[in-house]
Amino acid sequence: MPINPYSRDEFILDERVFKRLEDIKINIDIFNVFRSSSEVYSIIKHAVYKNIKTMWLQLDIFWQDSEKILDKMRINLIQDKCIKTEHSKLLNN
């Protein structure tokens, strides 16, 4: 489910684009972040209230203190990695 704070009732691949993480009413296993590193702290503040299991920060996206915060909340963290690349590695082994 895509999230874009600048969206105006858009759809991507037939999926509704939500403005805020809080607008999603189902549990989220992996929250895949494609925002700049400067926005990570704000995103984490919202993510801890959604019972997310894993927060994935894409290539070149990282925040030094994110691991400390998310570890306390028992949320897995992967940062500065492409989910597609990592998935392909698993399939090719």
Foldseek 3Di string as FASTA:
>chain_A
DAEDLPDDQDDDPNHTYHNDPVVDDDAAAEAEDDDAQVCVVVNVVVVLVRNYAEYEAEANHDDPCPCVVCVVSNHHYHHNHHPVVVVVVVVVD
